[in-house]
């Protein structure tokens, strides 16, 4: 994917807002939004949803991660890692994911109260 196509894809992703449309992961570990489904379909990232769902049991043992998780797929040298953070600076754990195919080198998604969503879909925590 060239830079122009990547910019267009990122613009499409930024248009997603939280909606009533959601999908239950087969593991039942989380629900994901229409925006995440679009990301997975366009970028070949269904495996990303699967990995995040598989690690929910581990993540939910941390009280901070039970409420909010930031997941980033990041390039690290010639490989990539999936990093789970408590906030933008506090890394909870990182998983090497090798060089799986994806249209985007960097992706960030959130899990908030059991819902996996794009940054544009993130809502404020209830008070």
C-alpha atoms as a PDB file:
ATOM      1  CA  UNK A   1       0.000   0.000   0.000  1.00  0.00           C
ATOM      2  CA  UNK A   2       1.466   3.359  -0.962  1.00  0.00           C
ATOM      3  CA  UNK A   3       1.389   6.454   1.246  1.00  0.00           C
ATOM      4  CA  UNK A   4      -1.602   7.953  -0.562  1.00  0.00           C
ATOM      5  CA  UNK A   5      -3.657   4.769  -0.076  1.00  0.00           C
ATOM      6  CA  UNK A   6      -2.591   4.562   3.572  1.00  0.00           C
ATOM      7  CA  UNK A   7      -3.660   8.172   4.172  1.00  0.00           C
ATOM      8  CA  UNK A   8      -7.044   7.454   2.541  1.00  0.00           C
ATOM      9  CA  UNK A   9      -7.493   4.342   4.699  1.00  0.00           C
ATOM     10  CA  UNK A  10      -6.607   6.236   7.877  1.00  0.00           C
ATOM     11  CA  UNK A  11      -9.126   8.948   6.909  1.00  0.00           C
ATOM     12  CA  UNK A  12     -11.821   6.273   6.467  1.00  0.00           C
ATOM     13  CA  UNK A  13     -10.959   4.766   9.855  1.00  0.00           C
ATOM     14  CA  UNK A  14     -11.142   8.185  11.551  1.00  0.00           C
ATOM     15  CA  UNK A  15     -14.763   8.574  10.393  1.00  0.00           C
ATOM     16  CA  UNK A  16     -15.980   5.669  12.501  1.00  0.00           C
ATOM     17  CA  UNK A  17     -17.880   6.648  15.629  1.00  0.00           C
ATOM     18  CA  UNK A  18     -19.289   4.427  18.315  1.00  0.00           C
ATOM     19  CA  UNK A  19     -22.444   2.775  17.017  1.00  0.00           C
ATOM     20  CA  UNK A  20     -24.841   0.110  18.153  1.00  0.00           C
ATOM     21  CA  UNK A  21     -23.391  -2.330  15.616  1.00  0.00           C
ATOM     22  CA  UNK A  22     -20.973  -4.739  17.300  1.00  0.00           C
ATOM     23  CA  UNK A  23     -19.658  -8.260  16.902  1.00  0.00           C
ATOM     24  CA  UNK A  24     -19.062 -10.842  19.597  1.00  0.00           C
ATOM     25  CA  UNK A  25     -15.695 -12.544  19.210  1.00  0.00           C
ATOM     26  CA  UNK A  26     -16.119 -16.362  18.958  1.00  0.00           C
ATOM     27  CA  UNK A  27     -14.194 -16.755  22.236  1.00  0.00           C
ATOM     28  CA  UNK A  28     -16.752 -14.447  23.893  1.00  0.00           C
ATOM     29  CA  UNK A  29     -13.796 -12.661  25.512  1.00  0.00           C
ATOM     30  CA  UNK A  30     -14.778  -9.323  23.969  1.00  0.00           C
ATOM     31  CA  UNK A  31     -17.040  -7.482  21.588  1.00  0.00           C
ATOM     32  CA  UNK A  32     -15.650  -5.416  18.713  1.00  0.00           C
ATOM     33  CA  UNK A  33     -17.088  -2.505  16.804  1.00  0.00           C
ATOM     34  CA  UNK A  34     -17.926  -2.002  13.151  1.00  0.00           C
ATOM     35  CA  UNK A  35     -14.797   0.147  12.831  1.00  0.00           C
ATOM     36  CA  UNK A  36     -12.568  -2.667  14.073  1.00  0.00           C
ATOM     37  CA  UNK A  37     -14.291  -5.074  11.693  1.00  0.00           C
ATOM     38  CA  UNK A  38     -13.636  -2.664   8.812  1.00  0.00           C
ATOM     39  CA  UNK A  39      -9.964  -2.417   9.868  1.00  0.00           C
ATOM     40  CA  UNK A  40      -9.667  -6.218  10.030  1.00  0.00           C
ATOM     41  CA  UNK A  41     -11.297  -6.704   6.623  1.00  0.00           C
ATOM     42  CA  UNK A  42      -9.324  -3.978   4.812  1.00  0.00           C
ATOM     43  CA  UNK A  43      -5.949  -4.742   6.396  1.00  0.00           C
ATOM     44  CA  UNK A  44      -6.066  -8.487   6.962  1.00  0.00           C
ATOM     45  CA  UNK A  45      -6.053  -8.046  10.730  1.00  0.00           C
ATOM     46  CA  UNK A  46      -8.592 -10.568  11.987  1.00  0.00           C
ATOM     47  CA  UNK A  47      -5.601 -12.273  13.616  1.00  0.00           C
ATOM     48  CA  UNK A  48      -5.085  -9.079  15.673  1.00  0.00           C
ATOM     49  CA  UNK A  49      -8.603  -9.335  17.101  1.00  0.00           C
ATOM     50  CA  UNK A  50      -7.955 -13.013  17.879  1.00  0.00           C
ATOM     51  CA  UNK A  51      -4.710 -12.269  19.742  1.00  0.00           C
ATOM     52  CA  UNK A  52      -6.274  -9.465  21.771  1.00  0.00           C
ATOM     53  CA  UNK A  53      -9.232 -11.704  22.648  1.00  0.00           C
ATOM     54  CA  UNK A  54      -6.889 -14.550  23.623  1.00  0.00           C
ATOM     55  CA  UNK A  55      -4.960 -12.280  26.014  1.00  0.00           C
ATOM     56  CA  UNK A  56      -8.020 -10.894  27.809  1.00  0.00           C
ATOM     57  CA  UNK A  57      -7.732 -13.497  30.596  1.00  0.00           C
ATOM     58  CA  UNK A  58      -4.197 -12.291  31.317  1.00  0.00           C
ATOM     59  CA  UNK A  59      -5.009  -8.592  30.878  1.00  0.00           C
ATOM     60  CA  UNK A  60      -8.059  -8.676  33.144  1.00  0.00           C
ATOM     61  CA  UNK A  61      -5.928  -9.788  36.102  1.00  0.00           C
ATOM     62  CA  UNK A  62      -4.554  -6.236  36.165  1.00  0.00           C
ATOM     63  CA  UNK A  63      -7.186  -3.926  37.735  1.00  0.00           C
ATOM     64  CA  UNK A  64      -6.226  -1.019  35.446  1.00  0.00           C
ATOM     65  CA  UNK A  65      -6.504  -3.169  32.313  1.00  0.00           C
ATOM     66  CA  UNK A  66      -9.919  -4.450  33.397  1.00  0.00           C
ATOM     67  CA  UNK A  67     -11.247  -0.952  32.666  1.00  0.00           C
ATOM     68  CA  UNK A  68      -9.034   0.270  29.827  1.00  0.00           C
ATOM     69  CA  UNK A  69      -6.411  -1.217  27.481  1.00  0.00           C
ATOM     70  CA  UNK A  70      -4.483   0.474  24.701  1.00  0.00           C
ATOM     71  CA  UNK A  71      -3.153  -2.019  22.142  1.00  0.00           C
ATOM     72  CA  UNK A  72      -0.559  -0.947  19.585  1.00  0.00           C
ATOM     73  CA  UNK A  73       0.809  -2.955  16.697  1.00  0.00           C
ATOM     74  CA  UNK A  74       4.270  -1.416  16.296  1.00  0.00           C
ATOM     75  CA  UNK A  75       7.260  -1.955  14.050  1.00  0.00           C
ATOM     76  CA  UNK A  76      10.369  -2.708  16.098  1.00  0.00           C
ATOM     77  CA  UNK A  77      13.402  -2.957  13.865  1.00  0.00           C
ATOM     78  CA  UNK A  78      12.636  -5.506  11.155  1.00  0.00           C
ATOM     79  CA  UNK A  79       9.898  -7.194  13.197  1.00  0.00           C
ATOM     80  CA  UNK A  80       6.673  -6.119  14.851  1.00  0.00           C
ATOM     81  CA  UNK A  81       5.219  -6.361  18.324  1.00  0.00           C
ATOM     82  CA  UNK A  82       1.755  -6.066  19.794  1.00  0.00           C
ATOM     83  CA  UNK A  83       2.009  -3.944  22.921  1.00  0.00           C
ATOM     84  CA  UNK A  84      -0.659  -3.658  25.625  1.00  0.00           C
ATOM     85  CA  UNK A  85      -0.557  -0.443  27.649  1.00  0.00           C
ATOM     86  CA  UNK A  86      -2.426   0.804  30.699  1.00  0.00           C
ATOM     87  CA  UNK A  87      -2.193   4.322  29.266  1.00  0.00           C
ATOM     88  CA  UNK A  88      -0.053   5.989  26.641  1.00  0.00           C
ATOM     89  CA  UNK A  89       3.161   5.382  28.630  1.00  0.00           C
ATOM     90  CA  UNK A  90       2.663   2.409  30.972  1.00  0.00           C
ATOM     91  CA  UNK A  91       3.418  -0.852  29.132  1.00  0.00           C
ATOM     92  CA  UNK A  92       1.690  -3.861  30.690  1.00  0.00           C
ATOM     93  CA  UNK A  93       3.201  -6.446  28.311  1.00  0.00           C
ATOM     94  CA  UNK A  94       4.421  -6.889  24.735  1.00  0.00           C
ATOM     95  CA  UNK A  95       4.025  -9.811  22.365  1.00  0.00           C
ATOM     96  CA  UNK A  96       6.251 -10.441  19.355  1.00  0.00           C
ATOM     97  CA  UNK A  97       4.088 -11.018  16.291  1.00  0.00           C
ATOM     98  CA  UNK A  98       6.737 -11.301  13.611  1.00  0.00           C
ATOM     99  CA  UNK A  99       6.052 -10.017  10.144  1.00  0.00           C
ATOM    100  CA  UNK A 100       2.420 -10.903   9.598  1.00  0.00           C
ATOM    101  CA  UNK A 101       0.908  -9.214   6.576  1.00  0.00           C
ATOM    102  CA  UNK A 102      -0.960  -5.991   7.156  1.00  0.00           C
ATOM    103  CA  UNK A 103      -1.728  -2.943   5.049  1.00  0.00           C
ATOM    104  CA  UNK A 104      -0.671  -0.700   7.961  1.00  0.00           C
ATOM    105  CA  UNK A 105       2.613  -0.827   9.887  1.00  0.00           C
ATOM    106  CA  UNK A 106       1.193   0.906  12.958  1.00  0.00           C
ATOM    107  CA  UNK A 107      -2.278   0.334  14.376  1.00  0.00           C
ATOM    108  CA  UNK A 108      -3.792   1.355  17.701  1.00  0.00           C
ATOM    109  CA  UNK A 109      -7.050   0.088  19.172  1.00  0.00           C
ATOM    110  CA  UNK A 110      -8.635   0.245  22.600  1.00  0.00           C
ATOM    111  CA  UNK A 111     -10.478  -2.169  24.831  1.00  0.00           C
ATOM    112  CA  UNK A 112     -12.786  -0.294  27.146  1.00  0.00           C
ATOM    113  CA  UNK A 113     -15.146  -2.226  29.387  1.00  0.00           C
ATOM    114  CA  UNK A 114     -14.823  -5.304  27.153  1.00  0.00           C
ATOM    115  CA  UNK A 115     -15.350  -3.523  23.821  1.00  0.00           C
ATOM    116  CA  UNK A 116     -12.534  -3.424  21.234  1.00  0.00           C
ATOM    117  CA  UNK A 117     -12.703  -0.165  19.259  1.00  0.00           C
ATOM    118  CA  UNK A 118     -10.807   2.288  17.088  1.00  0.00           C
ATOM    119  CA  UNK A 119      -9.474   5.502  18.653  1.00  0.00           C
ATOM    120  CA  UNK A 120     -12.233   7.489  16.906  1.00  0.00           C
ATOM    121  CA  UNK A 121     -14.828   5.216  18.548  1.00  0.00           C
ATOM    122  CA  UNK A 122     -13.443   5.526  22.079  1.00  0.00           C
ATOM    123  CA  UNK A 123     -15.908   6.911  24.560  1.00  0.00           C
ATOM    124  CA  UNK A 124     -15.392   8.520  27.904  1.00  0.00           C
ATOM    125  CA  UNK A 125     -15.657   6.227  30.918  1.00  0.00           C
ATOM    126  CA  UNK A 126     -19.002   6.415  32.723  1.00  0.00           C
ATOM    127  CA  UNK A 127     -18.960   8.505  35.890  1.00  0.00           C
END
